[in-house]
Protein backbone atom coordinates (compact mmCIF):
# COMPACT_ATOMS: atom_id res chain seq x y z
CA MET A 1 -24.04 -27.77 -6.04
CA ARG A 2 -21.35 -28.83 -3.61
CA ARG A 3 -18.62 -27.44 -1.46
CA PRO A 4 -15.11 -28.10 -2.83
CA GLN A 5 -12.49 -29.97 -0.86
CA SER A 6 -10.85 -28.12 1.98
CA GLY A 7 -7.97 -25.86 0.92
CA ILE A 8 -5.07 -24.05 2.53
CA VAL A 9 -6.16 -20.53 3.44
CA GLY A 10 -3.95 -17.48 2.98
CA ILE A 11 -4.61 -13.87 1.97
CA GLY A 12 -6.05 -13.27 -1.47
CA VAL A 13 -4.31 -10.16 -2.81
CA SER A 14 -4.96 -10.29 -6.55
CA PRO A 15 -8.27 -11.67 -7.83
CA GLY A 16 -8.67 -14.52 -10.28
CA ILE A 17 -8.13 -18.27 -10.42
CA ALA A 18 -5.03 -20.12 -11.57
CA ILE A 19 -4.88 -23.86 -12.25
CA GLY A 20 -1.60 -25.52 -13.10
CA PRO A 21 1.62 -27.16 -11.90
CA ALA A 22 3.69 -25.73 -9.07
CA PHE A 23 7.17 -24.32 -9.57
CA VAL A 24 8.97 -23.89 -6.24
CA LEU A 25 11.39 -21.01 -6.48
CA GLU A 26 14.21 -21.71 -4.07
CA LYS A 27 16.28 -18.67 -3.22
CA ALA A 28 19.60 -18.96 -1.42
CA ASP A 29 20.00 -16.78 1.67
CA TYR A 30 23.63 -15.71 1.54
CA ARG A 31 25.45 -14.98 4.80
CA SER A 32 29.08 -14.22 5.57
CA HIS A 33 31.32 -14.48 8.61
CA ARG A 34 33.47 -11.61 9.80
CA TRP A 35 37.18 -11.46 9.16
CA GLU A 36 39.70 -8.71 9.74
CA ILE A 37 41.09 -6.66 6.86
CA PRO A 38 44.77 -5.56 7.01
CA PRO A 39 45.10 -1.76 7.36
CA ALA A 40 46.67 -1.45 3.93
CA ALA A 41 43.75 -3.31 2.31
CA VAL A 42 40.91 -1.24 3.83
CA GLY A 43 40.73 1.15 0.86
CA SER A 44 40.55 -1.66 -1.68
CA GLU A 45 37.86 -3.37 0.43
CA VAL A 46 35.72 -0.24 0.30
CA ARG A 47 36.25 -0.09 -3.47
CA ARG A 48 35.27 -3.75 -3.75
CA PHE A 49 32.01 -2.96 -1.95
CA ARG A 50 31.32 0.04 -4.19
CA SER A 51 31.96 -2.10 -7.28
CA ALA A 52 29.41 -4.64 -6.05
CA VAL A 53 26.88 -1.82 -5.54
CA ALA A 54 27.53 -0.56 -9.07
CA ALA A 55 27.07 -4.08 -10.47
CA SER A 56 23.80 -4.44 -8.55
CA ALA A 57 22.52 -1.11 -9.91
CA ALA A 58 23.42 -2.17 -13.45
CA GLN A 59 21.47 -5.41 -13.04
CA LEU A 60 18.41 -3.56 -11.72
CA LYS A 61 18.55 -1.10 -14.63
CA THR A 62 18.55 -4.05 -17.04
CA PHE A 63 15.51 -5.52 -15.27
CA ARG A 64 13.85 -2.10 -15.32
CA ARG A 65 14.29 -1.72 -19.09
CA ARG A 66 12.90 -5.22 -19.62
CA LEU A 67 9.90 -4.51 -17.41
CA ALA A 68 9.19 -1.17 -19.11
CA ARG A 69 9.47 -2.81 -22.55
CA ASP A 70 7.25 -5.78 -21.75
CA LEU A 71 4.63 -4.18 -19.50
CA GLY A 72 4.90 -0.42 -19.86
CA PRO A 73 6.46 2.32 -17.70
CA GLN A 74 3.71 2.20 -15.07
CA HIS A 75 5.15 -1.02 -13.63
CA VAL A 76 8.75 0.08 -13.03
CA TYR A 77 8.33 2.36 -10.01
CA ILE A 78 9.17 -0.33 -7.44
CA LEU A 79 12.51 -0.99 -9.12
CA ASP A 80 13.10 2.76 -9.16
CA ALA A 81 12.75 2.67 -5.39
CA HIS A 82 15.43 -0.04 -5.18
CA LEU A 83 17.77 1.99 -7.37
CA LEU A 84 17.27 4.99 -5.09
CA MET A 85 18.19 2.86 -2.09
CA LEU A 86 21.39 1.72 -3.81
CA ARG A 87 22.37 5.39 -4.19
CA ASP A 88 21.44 6.25 -0.60
CA ARG A 89 24.37 7.82 1.26
CA LEU A 90 23.14 6.43 4.57
CA PHE A 91 23.46 2.92 3.13
CA ILE A 92 26.73 3.40 1.20
CA ASP A 93 28.52 5.45 3.85
CA GLY A 94 27.27 3.19 6.64
CA VAL A 95 28.90 0.11 5.13
CA ALA A 96 32.10 2.00 4.28
CA ALA A 97 32.30 3.34 7.85
CA ILE A 98 32.16 -0.18 9.31
CA ILE A 99 34.82 -1.42 6.88
CA ARG A 100 37.11 1.46 7.84
CA GLY A 101 36.29 1.71 11.52
CA GLU A 102 36.28 -2.00 12.35
CA ARG A 103 38.57 -3.19 9.55
CA ALA A 104 35.87 -5.70 8.68
CA ASN A 105 35.23 -7.43 5.39
CA ALA A 106 32.62 -5.84 3.11
CA GLU A 107 30.22 -8.80 3.31
CA TRP A 108 29.95 -8.64 7.09
CA ALA A 109 29.76 -4.83 7.15
CA LEU A 110 26.93 -4.95 4.62
CA GLN A 111 25.01 -7.44 6.75
CA GLN A 112 25.30 -5.17 9.81
CA VAL A 113 23.86 -2.17 7.97
CA ILE A 114 21.04 -4.19 6.42
CA ALA A 115 20.20 -5.58 9.88
CA ARG A 116 19.91 -2.03 11.23
CA PHE A 117 17.57 -1.02 8.43
CA HIS A 118 15.54 -4.19 8.91
CA GLU A 119 15.15 -3.57 12.64
CA ALA A 120 14.12 0.04 12.09
CA PHE A 121 11.52 -0.78 9.42
CA ALA A 122 10.21 -3.89 11.17
CA GLY A 123 9.08 -1.77 14.11
CA ILE A 124 6.99 0.52 11.94
CA GLU A 125 3.26 0.34 12.62
CA ASP A 126 2.25 1.20 9.05
CA ALA A 127 2.11 -2.06 7.06
CA TYR A 128 3.11 -0.45 3.78
CA LEU A 129 6.24 1.15 5.22
CA ARG A 130 7.05 -1.84 7.42
CA GLU A 131 7.45 -4.00 4.34
CA LYS A 132 10.30 -1.73 3.17
CA ALA A 133 12.41 -4.00 5.41
CA GLY A 134 12.03 -6.61 2.68
CA ASP A 135 13.34 -4.10 0.13
CA MET A 136 16.53 -3.60 2.10
CA GLU A 137 16.96 -7.34 2.58
CA ASP A 138 16.61 -7.90 -1.17
CA ILE A 139 19.12 -5.16 -1.93
CA GLY A 140 21.52 -6.62 0.61
CA GLN A 141 21.25 -10.10 -0.89
CA ARG A 142 21.89 -8.77 -4.39
CA VAL A 143 24.97 -6.81 -3.36
CA LEU A 144 26.18 -9.79 -1.31
CA ARG A 145 25.87 -12.10 -4.34
CA ASN A 146 27.93 -9.67 -6.38
CA LEU A 147 30.53 -9.45 -3.61
CA THR A 148 30.91 -13.21 -3.33
CA GLY A 149 30.40 -14.18 -6.96
CA ALA A 150 27.53 -16.46 -5.93
CA PRO A 151 25.39 -17.98 -8.71
CA ARG A 152 22.23 -16.25 -9.86
CA ASP A 153 18.82 -17.34 -8.59
CA ARG A 154 16.59 -19.55 -10.74
CA VAL A 155 14.07 -16.79 -11.49
CA ALA A 156 14.97 -16.64 -15.18
CA GLU A 157 14.57 -20.43 -15.41
CA ILE A 158 10.85 -20.47 -14.65
CA PRO A 159 9.14 -22.66 -17.29
CA ASP A 160 5.94 -21.84 -19.13
CA GLY A 161 2.50 -22.24 -17.56
CA VAL A 162 3.33 -22.60 -13.86
CA ILE A 163 2.14 -21.27 -10.53
CA VAL A 164 5.19 -19.81 -8.79
CA LEU A 165 5.63 -20.79 -5.15
CA ALA A 166 8.20 -18.87 -3.10
CA ARG A 167 9.09 -17.92 0.43
CA ASP A 168 8.93 -14.31 -0.75
CA LEU A 169 9.38 -12.42 -4.00
CA SER A 170 11.28 -9.19 -4.54
CA PRO A 171 10.65 -6.57 -7.24
CA SER A 172 13.77 -7.71 -9.08
CA ASP A 173 12.47 -11.30 -9.01
CA THR A 174 9.22 -10.32 -10.65
CA ALA A 175 11.03 -8.08 -13.15
CA GLN A 176 13.01 -11.08 -14.39
CA MET A 177 9.94 -13.24 -14.88
CA ARG A 178 8.25 -13.41 -18.24
CA ARG A 179 4.63 -12.56 -17.62
CA GLU A 180 3.22 -15.08 -20.08
CA ARG A 181 4.95 -17.92 -18.22
CA VAL A 182 3.36 -17.26 -14.82
CA LEU A 183 -0.21 -18.34 -14.10
CA GLY A 184 -0.24 -17.20 -10.48
CA PHE A 185 1.68 -16.69 -7.24
CA ALA A 186 1.42 -18.63 -3.96
CA ILE A 187 3.74 -17.10 -1.36
CA ASP A 188 4.64 -18.03 2.21
CA MET A 189 5.11 -14.46 3.40
CA GLY A 190 3.56 -11.07 2.72
CA GLY A 191 0.35 -9.16 3.15
CA LYS A 192 -1.95 -6.96 1.08
CA THR A 193 0.72 -4.28 0.64
CA SER A 194 3.65 -6.62 -0.11
CA HIS A 195 5.52 -6.28 -3.39
CA THR A 196 4.10 -9.56 -4.64
CA ALA A 197 0.61 -8.21 -3.99
CA ILE A 198 1.30 -4.90 -5.72
CA VAL A 199 2.94 -6.47 -8.76
CA ALA A 200 0.34 -9.23 -9.06
CA ARG A 201 -2.50 -6.71 -8.98
CA SER A 202 -0.72 -4.51 -11.53
CA LEU A 203 -0.17 -7.47 -13.85
CA GLU A 204 -3.62 -8.87 -13.04
CA ILE A 205 -2.17 -12.25 -12.10
CA PRO A 206 -4.00 -14.25 -9.38
CA ALA A 207 -2.04 -14.31 -6.13
CA VAL A 208 -2.34 -15.61 -2.58
CA VAL A 209 0.20 -14.63 0.11
CA GLY A 210 0.66 -15.33 3.81
CA LEU A 211 0.48 -19.11 3.31
CA GLU A 212 3.34 -19.69 5.80
CA ASP A 213 4.62 -23.03 4.50
CA ILE A 214 3.29 -23.69 1.01
CA THR A 215 6.87 -24.04 -0.28
CA ALA A 216 7.48 -26.85 2.22
CA ARG A 217 4.25 -28.66 1.35
CA ALA A 218 4.56 -28.64 -2.43
CA ALA A 219 7.12 -29.90 -4.94
CA ASN A 220 7.78 -28.96 -8.54
CA GLY A 221 5.03 -30.23 -10.80
CA ASP A 222 2.41 -30.77 -8.07
CA PRO A 223 -1.07 -29.88 -9.37
CA LEU A 224 -2.35 -26.70 -7.75
CA ILE A 225 -5.30 -24.31 -7.73
CA ILE A 226 -5.10 -20.81 -6.27
CA ASP A 227 -8.11 -18.57 -5.75
CA GLY A 228 -6.98 -14.96 -5.41
CA ASN A 229 -10.52 -13.92 -4.52
CA THR A 230 -10.87 -16.00 -1.36
CA GLY A 231 -7.22 -16.71 -0.53
CA GLN A 232 -7.68 -20.46 -0.88
CA VAL A 233 -5.04 -22.80 -2.31
CA PHE A 234 -5.70 -26.44 -3.22
CA LEU A 235 -2.75 -28.82 -3.41
CA HIS A 236 -3.45 -32.06 -5.32
CA PRO A 237 -7.11 -31.07 -5.96
CA ASP A 238 -9.55 -33.84 -6.81
CA ALA A 239 -11.29 -33.99 -10.20
CA GLU A 240 -14.49 -32.36 -8.99
CA THR A 241 -12.64 -29.41 -7.44
CA VAL A 242 -10.67 -28.90 -10.66
CA ALA A 243 -13.87 -28.94 -12.71
CA CYS A 244 -15.48 -26.54 -10.26
CA TYR A 245 -12.66 -24.00 -10.46
CA GLU A 246 -12.33 -24.28 -14.22
CA ALA A 247 -15.95 -23.21 -14.43
CA LEU A 248 -15.33 -20.39 -11.96
CA ARG A 249 -12.28 -19.24 -13.88
CA ARG A 250 -14.31 -18.91 -17.07
CA ARG A 251 -16.90 -16.97 -15.13
CA TYR A 252 -14.29 -14.59 -13.69
CA GLN A 253 -12.81 -14.02 -17.13
CA ARG A 254 -16.20 -12.90 -18.38
CA TYR A 255 -16.54 -10.76 -15.25
CA ASP A 256 -13.22 -9.00 -15.91
CA ILE A 257 -14.38 -8.11 -19.41
CA GLU A 258 -17.45 -6.49 -17.84
CA LEU A 259 -15.31 -4.57 -15.36
CA HIS A 260 -13.11 -3.20 -18.12
CA LYS A 261 -16.15 -1.57 -19.72
CA LEU A 262 -16.83 0.39 -16.51
CA ARG A 263 -13.63 2.45 -16.62
CA VAL A 264 -15.15 5.40 -18.44
CA LEU A 265 -18.54 5.29 -16.68
CA PRO A 266 -19.35 7.31 -13.55
CA ALA A 267 -19.67 5.72 -10.12
CA GLU A 268 -23.38 6.47 -9.99
CA THR A 269 -26.20 4.53 -8.33
CA LEU A 270 -29.35 3.51 -10.16
CA ASP A 271 -31.18 6.46 -8.62
CA GLY A 272 -28.58 9.06 -9.58
CA TYR A 273 -26.36 9.38 -6.50
CA ARG A 274 -22.74 9.88 -7.55
CA LEU A 275 -19.92 8.58 -5.36
CA GLY A 276 -16.36 9.80 -5.77
CA LEU A 277 -13.91 6.97 -6.50
CA GLU A 278 -10.25 7.95 -6.21
CA ALA A 279 -6.91 6.19 -5.84
CA ASN A 280 -4.24 5.91 -3.15
CA ILE A 281 -0.66 6.18 -4.42
CA GLU A 282 2.87 6.66 -3.16
CA LEU A 283 4.80 7.35 -6.37
CA PRO A 284 3.79 9.28 -9.50
CA GLU A 285 4.88 6.27 -11.56
CA GLU A 286 1.66 4.61 -10.41
CA LEU A 287 -0.41 7.21 -12.24
CA PRO A 288 -0.85 5.32 -15.57
CA SER A 289 -2.53 2.49 -13.66
CA VAL A 290 -4.70 5.01 -11.78
CA ILE A 291 -5.91 6.55 -15.04
CA GLU A 292 -6.29 3.15 -16.72
CA HIS A 293 -8.63 1.94 -13.97
CA GLY A 294 -10.87 5.00 -14.17
CA ALA A 295 -10.02 6.91 -10.98
CA ALA A 296 -11.69 10.30 -10.58
CA GLY A 297 -8.54 11.63 -8.92
CA ILE A 298 -5.97 10.95 -6.20
CA GLY A 299 -7.60 10.70 -2.79
CA LEU A 300 -4.37 10.01 -0.90
CA TYR A 301 -0.82 10.72 -2.00
CA ARG A 302 1.57 9.37 0.63
CA THR A 303 4.73 11.47 0.81
CA GLU A 304 6.76 9.49 3.37
CA PHE A 305 8.98 7.80 0.80
CA LEU A 306 10.67 11.13 0.05
CA TYR A 307 12.15 11.06 3.55
CA LEU A 308 13.24 7.46 3.94
CA ASN A 309 16.71 6.00 3.41
CA ARG A 310 18.57 9.30 3.21
CA THR A 311 20.76 11.39 5.50
CA ASP A 312 19.34 14.77 4.47
CA MET A 313 15.89 16.29 4.27
CA PRO A 314 14.13 16.72 0.90
CA THR A 315 14.50 20.25 -0.44
CA GLU A 316 11.67 22.54 -1.44
CA GLU A 317 12.59 21.99 -5.08
CA GLU A 318 12.35 18.20 -4.66
CA HIS A 319 8.90 18.54 -3.14
CA TYR A 320 7.77 20.99 -5.81
CA ALA A 321 9.05 18.85 -8.70
CA ARG A 322 7.44 15.69 -7.33
CA TYR A 323 4.04 17.30 -6.69
CA ARG A 324 4.03 19.29 -9.93
CA HIS A 325 4.65 16.10 -11.90
CA LEU A 326 1.79 14.45 -10.01
CA ILE A 327 -0.74 17.17 -10.75
CA GLU A 328 0.29 17.62 -14.38
CA GLU A 329 -0.14 13.90 -15.02
CA ILE A 330 -3.52 13.62 -13.30
CA ARG A 331 -5.21 16.88 -14.29
CA PRO A 332 -7.96 17.84 -14.78
CA ARG A 333 -8.56 15.36 -11.98
CA PRO A 334 -7.81 16.57 -8.43
CA ALA A 335 -5.08 15.23 -6.13
CA THR A 336 -4.95 15.24 -2.33
CA ILE A 337 -1.52 15.29 -0.70
CA ARG A 338 -1.11 14.11 2.89
CA THR A 339 1.69 15.91 4.70
CA PHE A 340 4.32 13.48 5.90
CA ASP A 341 3.29 10.97 8.55
CA LEU A 342 6.69 10.25 10.04
CA GLY A 343 8.14 10.19 13.53
CA GLY A 344 8.50 7.80 16.40
CA ASP A 345 7.59 4.53 14.71
CA LYS A 346 8.82 5.40 11.23
CA PHE A 347 12.49 5.39 10.39
CA LEU A 348 13.69 8.97 9.93
CA SER A 349 17.45 9.19 10.14
CA GLN A 350 17.74 12.94 9.57
CA VAL A 351 16.31 13.89 12.98
CA PRO A 352 17.53 12.30 16.24
CA LEU A 353 14.56 10.89 18.14
CA ALA A 354 14.44 9.17 21.49
CA LYS A 355 13.29 5.56 21.40
CA GLU A 356 9.63 5.42 22.38
CA MET A 357 7.84 2.68 24.28
CA ASN A 358 4.74 3.05 22.10
CA PRO A 359 5.71 4.90 18.92
CA ALA A 360 2.27 4.57 17.31
CA LEU A 361 1.02 6.89 20.06
CA GLY A 362 4.16 9.01 20.18
CA LEU A 363 5.82 11.84 18.27
CA ARG A 364 4.55 11.22 14.75
CA ALA A 365 2.61 12.84 11.91
CA ILE A 366 1.27 16.33 12.77
CA ARG A 367 2.91 16.22 16.20
CA PHE A 368 6.28 15.70 14.59
CA CYS A 369 5.58 18.39 11.96
CA LEU A 370 4.72 20.96 14.63
CA ARG A 371 8.00 20.23 16.37
CA GLU A 372 10.17 20.13 13.24
CA VAL A 373 8.66 23.29 11.72
CA THR A 374 11.43 23.92 9.20
CA ALA A 375 10.91 20.53 7.52
CA PHE A 376 7.15 21.07 7.63
CA LYS A 377 7.43 24.49 5.97
CA THR A 378 9.67 23.06 3.26
CA GLN A 379 7.04 20.49 2.30
CA LEU A 380 4.19 23.00 2.47
CA ALA A 381 6.09 25.37 0.18
CA GLY A 382 6.48 22.61 -2.40
CA ILE A 383 2.77 21.76 -2.17
CA LEU A 384 1.67 25.39 -2.50
CA ARG A 385 3.89 26.03 -5.51
CA ALA A 386 2.63 22.86 -7.21
CA SER A 387 -0.97 23.99 -6.65
CA ALA A 388 -0.45 26.60 -9.39
CA HIS A 389 -0.45 23.78 -11.94
CA GLY A 390 -3.75 22.03 -11.19
CA LYS A 391 -6.39 21.09 -8.63
CA LEU A 392 -4.44 20.24 -5.48
CA ARG A 393 -5.60 19.75 -1.89
CA VAL A 394 -3.62 19.21 1.31
CA MET A 395 -4.56 17.29 4.44
CA PHE A 396 -2.96 16.93 7.85
CA PRO A 397 -2.66 13.46 9.48
CA MET A 398 -3.25 12.37 13.08
CA ILE A 399 -5.08 15.49 14.23
CA ALA A 400 -6.42 15.04 17.77
CA GLU A 401 -7.40 18.57 18.80
CA ILE A 402 -8.31 21.91 17.27
CA THR A 403 -5.10 23.65 18.42
CA GLU A 404 -3.02 21.27 16.26
CA LEU A 405 -5.11 22.17 13.24
CA ARG A 406 -4.86 25.88 13.96
CA GLN A 407 -1.10 25.71 14.38
CA ALA A 408 -0.75 23.80 11.14
CA ARG A 409 -2.93 26.29 9.28
CA GLU A 410 -0.96 29.23 10.68
CA ILE A 411 2.29 27.65 9.48
CA LEU A 412 0.69 27.13 6.06
CA ALA A 413 -0.34 30.81 6.04
CA GLU A 414 3.23 31.86 6.93
CA VAL A 415 4.59 29.83 4.03
CA ALA A 416 1.99 31.38 1.70
CA ARG A 417 3.04 34.88 2.76
CA GLU A 418 6.68 34.04 2.11
CA LEU A 419 5.86 32.72 -1.36
CA GLU A 420 3.96 35.94 -2.09
CA ARG A 421 7.03 37.95 -1.12
CA ARG A 422 9.09 35.81 -3.50
CA GLY A 423 6.57 36.29 -6.30
CA GLU A 424 5.82 32.56 -6.54
CA PRO A 425 2.38 31.67 -7.98
CA PHE A 426 0.12 29.32 -6.01
CA ASP A 427 -3.57 28.58 -5.47
CA ARG A 428 -4.75 31.07 -2.86
CA ASN A 429 -7.91 29.00 -2.40
CA LEU A 430 -6.06 25.75 -1.69
CA GLU A 431 -8.44 23.38 0.10
CA VAL A 432 -7.26 22.14 3.49
CA GLY A 433 -8.54 18.99 5.19
CA VAL A 434 -7.75 16.68 8.06
CA MET A 435 -7.41 12.94 8.43
CA ILE A 436 -9.92 11.56 10.90
CA GLU A 437 -7.88 8.69 12.33
CA THR A 438 -8.02 9.27 16.09
CA PRO A 439 -11.14 8.77 18.19
CA ALA A 440 -10.60 12.29 19.52
CA ALA A 441 -10.87 13.77 16.05
CA ALA A 442 -14.03 11.76 15.39
CA VAL A 443 -15.64 12.96 18.61
CA ILE A 444 -14.82 16.63 17.98
CA GLY A 445 -15.69 16.39 14.30
CA ASP A 446 -18.21 19.21 14.66
CA ILE A 447 -15.46 21.52 15.95
CA LEU A 448 -12.89 20.54 13.32
CA ALA A 449 -15.47 20.84 10.52
CA ARG A 450 -15.76 24.59 11.17
CA GLU A 451 -12.16 25.16 10.13
CA VAL A 452 -11.47 22.79 7.21
CA ASP A 453 -12.73 22.15 3.70
CA PHE A 454 -13.01 18.35 3.90
CA PHE A 455 -12.49 15.25 6.05
CA SER A 456 -10.77 12.01 5.06
CA ILE A 457 -11.30 9.04 7.36
CA GLY A 458 -8.19 6.90 7.76
CA THR A 459 -9.74 3.64 8.90
CA ASN A 460 -6.46 1.74 9.41
CA ASP A 461 -5.43 3.86 12.38
CA LEU A 462 -8.93 4.76 13.52
CA ILE A 463 -9.86 1.10 13.95
CA GLN A 464 -6.80 0.20 15.99
CA TYR A 465 -7.05 3.29 18.20
CA ALA A 466 -10.80 2.95 18.73
CA LEU A 467 -10.57 -0.77 19.57
CA ALA A 468 -7.28 -0.49 21.53
CA ILE A 469 -5.50 -3.16 19.51
CA ASP A 470 -2.15 -3.37 17.77
CA ARG A 471 -3.01 -4.59 14.28
CA VAL A 472 0.52 -5.85 13.66
CA ASN A 473 0.50 -7.95 16.82
CA GLU A 474 -0.47 -11.46 15.71
CA HIS A 475 -1.91 -12.26 19.15
CA VAL A 476 -4.60 -9.57 18.95
CA ALA A 477 -4.87 -9.00 15.19
CA TYR A 478 -8.12 -11.00 15.17
CA LEU A 479 -9.71 -8.11 17.11
CA TYR A 480 -9.13 -5.76 14.16
CA ARG A 481 -12.78 -5.59 13.05
CA PRO A 482 -13.69 -2.84 10.55
CA LEU A 483 -17.41 -3.50 11.10
CA HIS A 484 -17.32 -3.14 14.88
CA PRO A 485 -20.39 -1.14 16.01
CA ALA A 486 -18.12 1.40 17.72
CA LEU A 487 -16.40 2.21 14.44
CA LEU A 488 -19.67 2.45 12.52
CA ARG A 489 -20.98 4.90 15.11
CA LEU A 490 -17.82 6.99 14.87
CA VAL A 491 -18.08 7.10 11.07
CA ARG A 492 -21.73 8.07 11.22
CA GLU A 493 -20.98 10.91 13.66
CA VAL A 494 -18.08 12.17 11.55
CA VAL A 495 -20.31 12.25 8.47
CA ARG A 496 -23.06 14.04 10.38
CA ALA A 497 -20.64 16.67 11.69
CA ALA A 498 -19.16 17.27 8.24
CA HIS A 499 -22.44 17.44 6.36
CA THR A 500 -23.91 19.81 8.93
CA ARG A 501 -21.13 22.24 8.00
CA GLY A 502 -21.48 21.47 4.29
CA ILE A 503 -18.12 19.76 3.77
CA PRO A 504 -17.51 16.35 2.14
CA VAL A 505 -16.17 13.19 3.79
CA ALA A 506 -13.81 10.77 2.08
CA MET A 507 -12.44 7.43 3.29
CA CYS A 508 -8.97 6.25 2.33
CA GLY A 509 -8.17 3.22 4.50
CA GLU A 510 -8.17 -0.44 3.40
CA MET A 511 -11.85 -0.65 4.27
CA ALA A 512 -12.66 1.71 1.39
CA GLY A 513 -11.35 -0.71 -1.24
CA GLU A 514 -13.32 -3.77 -0.13
CA PRO A 515 -16.43 -4.23 -2.33
CA ILE A 516 -18.24 -6.02 0.48
CA HIS A 517 -18.21 -2.73 2.45
CA THR A 518 -19.27 -0.44 -0.38
CA LEU A 519 -23.03 -0.44 0.16
CA LEU A 520 -22.64 0.10 3.90
CA LEU A 521 -20.28 3.05 3.40
CA ILE A 522 -22.63 4.68 0.91
CA GLY A 523 -25.43 4.23 3.41
CA LEU A 524 -23.37 5.84 6.15
CA GLY A 525 -23.02 8.92 3.96
CA ILE A 526 -19.42 8.71 2.76
CA ASP A 527 -19.00 11.02 -0.25
CA SER A 528 -15.91 9.44 -1.81
CA LEU A 529 -13.74 6.36 -1.42
CA SER A 530 -10.02 6.18 -2.16
CA MET A 531 -8.25 2.85 -2.72
CA ASN A 532 -5.69 0.84 -4.67
CA ALA A 533 -6.29 1.52 -8.35
CA VAL A 534 -7.12 -2.08 -9.32
CA SER A 535 -9.97 -2.16 -6.77
CA LEU A 536 -11.77 0.75 -8.45
CA PRO A 537 -13.72 -1.18 -11.15
CA ARG A 538 -15.02 -3.76 -8.66
CA VAL A 539 -16.23 -1.10 -6.25
CA LYS A 540 -17.71 0.88 -9.12
CA LYS A 541 -19.72 -2.15 -10.25
CA ILE A 542 -21.30 -2.38 -6.81
CA VAL A 543 -22.13 1.34 -6.85
CA ARG A 544 -23.76 1.15 -10.27
CA GLY A 545 -25.87 -1.84 -9.24
CA THR A 546 -27.60 -0.36 -6.20
CA ARG A 547 -29.84 2.47 -5.03
CA LEU A 548 -29.02 5.07 -2.40
CA ALA A 549 -32.21 4.18 -0.53
CA ASP A 550 -31.16 0.52 -0.31
CA ALA A 551 -27.72 1.51 0.96
CA ARG A 552 -29.22 3.69 3.66
CA ALA A 553 -31.58 0.93 4.73
CA LEU A 554 -28.71 -1.56 4.99
CA ALA A 555 -26.64 0.90 7.07
CA ALA A 556 -29.60 1.61 9.35
CA GLU A 557 -30.16 -2.09 10.02
CA ALA A 558 -26.45 -2.71 10.58
CA GLY A 559 -26.47 0.13 13.09
CA GLN A 560 -28.97 -1.74 15.26
CA LEU A 561 -26.73 -4.79 15.71
CA ALA A 562 -24.77 -5.29 18.90
CA SER A 563 -21.51 -7.00 17.91
CA ALA A 564 -18.91 -6.96 15.16
CA TRP A 565 -19.72 -10.59 14.36
CA GLU A 566 -23.43 -9.80 13.90
CA VAL A 567 -22.67 -6.87 11.60
CA GLU A 568 -20.18 -8.92 9.57
CA GLU A 569 -22.62 -11.79 9.10
CA PHE A 570 -25.46 -9.43 8.19
CA VAL A 571 -23.41 -7.46 5.66
CA LYS A 572 -21.94 -10.63 4.15
CA ARG A 573 -25.36 -12.20 3.81
CA GLU A 574 -26.94 -9.10 2.26
CA MET A 575 -24.09 -8.41 -0.14
CA THR A 576 -23.85 -11.99 -1.40
CA ARG A 577 -27.62 -11.99 -1.89
CA ARG A 578 -27.68 -8.67 -3.75
CA PHE A 579 -24.43 -9.14 -5.69
CA PRO A 580 -23.86 -12.88 -6.14
CA ASP A 581 -21.51 -12.33 -9.09
CA ASP A 582 -19.44 -9.67 -7.32
CA ILE A 583 -19.05 -10.76 -3.72
CA THR A 584 -17.42 -14.06 -2.82
CA GLU A 585 -18.34 -15.29 0.62
CA GLU A 586 -14.85 -15.88 2.02
CA GLY A 587 -14.03 -19.51 2.64
CA LYS A 588 -17.47 -20.64 1.43
CA GLN A 589 -17.30 -20.45 -2.34
CA VAL A 590 -19.77 -22.98 -3.70
CA CYS A 591 -19.16 -24.53 -7.15
CA LEU A 592 -21.69 -25.24 -9.83
CA ILE A 593 -20.69 -28.40 -11.70
C-alpha cells in the first residue's frame, strides 16, 4: 500500500475515474465595441439582432434533437431552459430598446443586457440560481457569434478517448459532444450545481470542477487522471499512480454494477428500519432520471424557474399544467412542491424591489409571498388543482414565526374556497409543511409542529444562518461546516419536536445527498432524505448496510464532541471503517498495487 503522488484538488461532482490524454477546449470570448447606427438603419439593426436570435434558437434545437436521440429525452431539459431564455421578452425587448434608444449597434446592446442579467444573477445567494448567470453568458456568446459571423467553437472537433479540459462548459457545448468520445471533464470553474456537474452526473461521466487553472497547466495530449470521487486531478502521473488508479477504476466499475441492482430495492436497514429516499428537481424533464435511480418520490420541487427571465408573472394555468405534468409522471409516488423562494436576492423583474444591503436576510420566500399575495394565490391555485391528479404536498420556505405560517395557511384556505366556488376538484386533505431553514424555526419547532403535517430541513440556509457565515463569500466559506455541533443540536431538537407531535421530518439540503452523512442523519432521527437523483443509489447502499441501533450510537457519540473538526474526523473515521468500499476519505485515497 502507498499514497499516490500529490494531485491538483478541485471539487468532485460526478463519481468515477478517467485516465487518458487531455484535450484543452479553447473557447473564444467575443466582445464588440460600440458604434452609432444612423436613424434610418435602426429598424434594420433590430431585425439583424432578431435574425441572430432565430439562428441561435435553430442551432439549439438541432443540438436538442441530437441529445434526445443519443441519450434520451431526460437529458434535454437544460437546453429547453436556454430556448426559453431566447424567447424571453425581457431579453429580446431589452436589446431592441437599447438599439432604438441609444442608436447603438446590436452587438454592444446585447452585451449591455447580458451584463445586467449577469450582475443580477451573480448576487443571488442560492448557488443553483446564481449559476444561471452562466446560462445568460452562453446565450449572449452564441447570439454574438451569429451577429458577427464568427467561426464555431471546436466542440465538435473533440477526438475519441480524451479528458476534456475547459474554462467552463455550457449546455450547448455538452450537447454537441459525442458521449463515447469523452472520458471525463476537468473544468476551471463551476461548483456542484454547475451545468457541467449536472450533465456529467446524468451521463455518468467522471468530472472535477473548480480547478481554477487546469487549462493553463495542461496541453493537448498531456497524460491525465481525474478522480470524480475525491476531486483530485493528476497531470503527468507516474507509472505507480497510473497503475493504482487503473485498479481503482476497475473496482468502481464493479461497484456501479452493484449500485444499479439497488434501484428496485427499498432503502431499509438490516434491522428493518425504512428510510424515505426522494429526489430534488427543478424541471419535470428530470423525472426519467429520478425514476431510473429508484427515488421513492419528489422531496423538493423548486418552482423559481417559472418566474425568472420574464416580464410577466406565471398564470394559474401555467402553474397547474406544470404541476399536473409532474404528478402524472411520478405517481403513484408523492411529490412535494416548495412555494417560490424569490425576492431580494433573486432576480424577479416583474415586481419592483428596493436594493437590499443583505438580501439573504431580506424580503424573500414566504415574506415576499405574504406581501405579493396575488402572485402567491396564483401559485397555490395551480398546486391545489394539480393535487386532484395524484399525491401532492406543499411546503412554505423561510418560515421564522408561527404568524407567517398561519397567514400562509389562511391564504391557502381562501384559494381553496374560491376553487370550490368554481367547481374545481382538488385534494381537500392536501398536506402542508414548512421548511426548517432558519434558527428561529428550529427553536420553535414544537410550536410549528402543532400546525403542519411535516417538516423539511433545508440545511443549505440553516447552516449559514446558524453559523453566521455567507457561504458564497470565499473568505469565510471554510466556516461552512455541516457537522458543526450547533447544527447537529438544532437538527436533533427539530426531530424531537416533530416526532412528539407525530409528524415526519425530511432533509433536502446538500448534506442529505452525501453518503458520509447518511448514518449520522439516520441516527438523528431523520425520516427521509431528498437529493440529486444520481446520489440515491449510493446513499441507499449505506442504508441497506447498517442497523438503526448502530446509527443511533454513532449520532450519540458525535453529539458529545465539542467542535466541527472533531465531529468530522470521527464521522469520517467511522464511515470509512464501516463502509470501506463506499466512502472515500477525501484527499487520502490509498492505492493497492
